[in-house]
Amino acid sequence: MNFAVQDVCRWPATVAKRYDAIIDSYCLQNIVLDDDRAAVLRGVHDRLTPAGHYLISTALYDAGRVYGAGLRFDRSTGICYRGDLPYRRHLTPAALQAELTSMGFTVLSLTGNDVVCRRS
C-alpha cells in the first residue's frame, strides 16, 4: 500500500502513479473556493486508474444544521463563512453530484454523507 502527503489543491503536474481507489474522509467540505475544488477533483480524476473509484465522506447541506455565532451560511453557494472568510462548503446532494459529473466522474451511490463514484 502506498500513501502520500501533499497539498491537494496544488498537485504536481506530472502524474507519477495511478490508484484503484482514492479515499476522501471529510476533506472536500474544507476545499471551499471553486478553483481549488476544480483542482482537487481534476487531480483525483487524473490519478485514478481507468476503472478507479473515488470514495468521499463529506458534510452536505442540512436544512436543520444550526450555525453558531460568527458563522454565516450562504445558501446560493453552499459556503459557510467564519466572519468574512470562507470556512466550509456544504452542498446539496444534487449540487455535489452535478459538480462531480462536470469533473468527469459518474456517481454510483450517494447515501447520507457518503459518495462512491468512478471515472467516466
Protein backbone atom coordinates (compact mmCIF):
# COMPACT_ATOMS: atom_id res chain seq x y z
CA MET A 1 0.00 0.00 0.00
CA ASN A 2 1.27 3.49 -0.86
CA PHE A 3 0.46 6.74 0.88
CA ALA A 4 1.42 10.29 0.01
CA VAL A 5 1.06 13.61 1.78
CA GLN A 6 0.75 16.74 -0.33
CA ASP A 7 -1.36 19.85 -0.85
CA VAL A 8 -4.31 18.51 -2.83
CA CYS A 9 -5.02 21.97 -4.24
CA ARG A 10 -1.51 22.06 -5.77
CA TRP A 11 -0.94 18.65 -7.33
CA PRO A 12 2.35 18.12 -9.18
CA ALA A 13 1.84 18.47 -12.95
CA THR A 14 3.27 15.01 -13.61
CA VAL A 15 1.16 12.04 -12.59
CA ALA A 16 3.67 9.52 -11.27
CA LYS A 17 1.25 6.80 -10.19
CA ARG A 18 -2.40 5.88 -10.65
CA TYR A 19 -4.59 4.35 -7.96
CA ASP A 20 -7.54 1.96 -7.95
CA ALA A 21 -9.17 3.95 -5.14
CA ILE A 22 -8.77 7.38 -3.60
CA ILE A 23 -10.48 7.97 -0.27
CA ASP A 24 -11.56 11.41 0.93
CA SER A 25 -12.61 11.44 4.57
CA TYR A 26 -14.18 14.86 5.19
CA CYS A 27 -11.58 16.80 3.20
CA LEU A 28 -13.70 18.04 0.27
CA GLN A 29 -16.02 20.08 2.53
CA ASN A 30 -12.96 22.10 3.59
CA ILE A 31 -11.98 22.90 0.00
CA VAL A 32 -14.20 25.94 -0.37
CA LEU A 33 -13.25 28.00 -3.42
CA ASP A 34 -14.33 26.93 -6.92
CA ASP A 35 -10.80 26.96 -8.41
CA ASP A 36 -9.41 24.88 -5.54
CA ARG A 37 -12.27 22.37 -5.75
CA ALA A 38 -11.74 22.03 -9.51
CA ALA A 39 -8.00 21.47 -8.94
CA VAL A 40 -8.69 18.79 -6.33
CA LEU A 41 -11.24 16.96 -8.45
CA ARG A 42 -9.04 17.17 -11.58
CA GLY A 43 -6.11 15.83 -9.58
CA VAL A 44 -8.13 12.93 -8.20
CA HIS A 45 -9.53 12.12 -11.66
CA ASP A 46 -6.05 12.18 -13.22
CA ARG A 47 -4.64 9.87 -10.56
CA LEU A 48 -7.30 7.18 -10.76
CA THR A 49 -6.88 4.13 -12.96
CA PRO A 50 -9.49 3.95 -15.75
CA ALA A 51 -11.68 1.73 -13.52
CA GLY A 52 -10.71 3.58 -10.33
CA HIS A 53 -13.13 4.71 -7.64
CA TYR A 54 -13.26 7.92 -5.61
CA LEU A 55 -14.84 7.38 -2.19
CA ILE A 56 -15.97 10.53 -0.42
CA SER A 57 -17.36 11.18 3.05
CA THR A 58 -18.35 14.83 3.39
CA ALA A 59 -20.76 17.10 5.22
CA LEU A 60 -23.62 18.05 2.94
CA TYR A 61 -26.25 20.76 3.24
CA ASP A 62 -28.63 20.05 6.10
CA ALA A 63 -31.64 22.35 6.46
CA GLY A 64 -31.67 21.63 10.20
CA ARG A 65 -28.00 22.49 10.80
CA VAL A 66 -27.56 25.37 13.22
CA TYR A 67 -24.54 27.52 12.52
CA GLY A 68 -23.12 29.03 15.70
CA ALA A 69 -22.13 32.58 16.47
CA GLY A 70 -19.67 34.03 13.99
CA LEU A 71 -20.72 31.65 11.21
CA ARG A 72 -22.90 32.57 8.25
CA PHE A 73 -24.21 30.20 5.59
CA ASP A 74 -24.74 31.36 2.01
CA ARG A 75 -27.41 29.09 0.60
CA SER A 76 -26.73 30.09 -3.03
CA THR A 77 -23.12 28.83 -2.97
CA GLY A 78 -23.19 26.34 -0.09
CA ILE A 79 -20.34 28.26 1.55
CA CYS A 80 -20.23 28.73 5.29
CA TYR A 81 -18.26 31.81 6.32
CA ARG A 82 -16.43 32.42 9.57
CA GLY A 83 -16.57 36.19 9.74
CA ASP A 84 -15.71 37.25 6.18
CA LEU A 85 -13.58 34.19 5.39
CA PRO A 86 -14.84 31.08 3.56
CA TYR A 87 -14.75 28.24 6.06
CA ARG A 88 -16.61 25.17 4.75
CA ARG A 89 -18.76 24.17 1.81
CA HIS A 90 -21.96 22.24 2.39
CA LEU A 91 -23.53 21.45 -0.97
CA THR A 92 -26.87 19.77 -1.51
CA PRO A 93 -26.58 16.18 -2.72
CA ALA A 94 -27.78 17.29 -6.18
CA ALA A 95 -25.20 20.10 -6.35
CA LEU A 96 -22.38 17.75 -5.32
CA GLN A 97 -23.46 15.18 -7.88
CA ALA A 98 -23.55 17.87 -10.59
CA GLU A 99 -20.07 19.09 -9.58
CA LEU A 100 -18.62 15.58 -9.69
CA THR A 101 -20.28 14.81 -13.03
CA SER A 102 -18.93 18.03 -14.55
CA MET A 103 -15.43 16.96 -13.49
CA GLY A 104 -15.60 13.58 -15.25
CA PHE A 105 -16.99 11.29 -12.56
CA THR A 106 -20.00 9.01 -12.59
CA VAL A 107 -21.75 8.94 -9.22
CA LEU A 108 -22.59 5.33 -8.39
CA SER A 109 -24.02 5.95 -4.93
CA LEU A 110 -24.81 8.97 -2.78
CA THR A 111 -26.19 7.87 0.59
CA GLY A 112 -26.18 10.16 3.59
CA ASN A 113 -22.76 11.81 3.63
CA ASP A 114 -21.06 9.07 1.60
CA VAL A 115 -20.42 9.14 -2.13
CA VAL A 116 -18.99 6.44 -4.36
CA CYS A 117 -18.01 7.49 -7.86
CA ARG A 118 -15.74 6.33 -10.65
CA ARG A 119 -14.07 7.92 -13.61
CA SER A 120 -16.47 8.40 -16.51
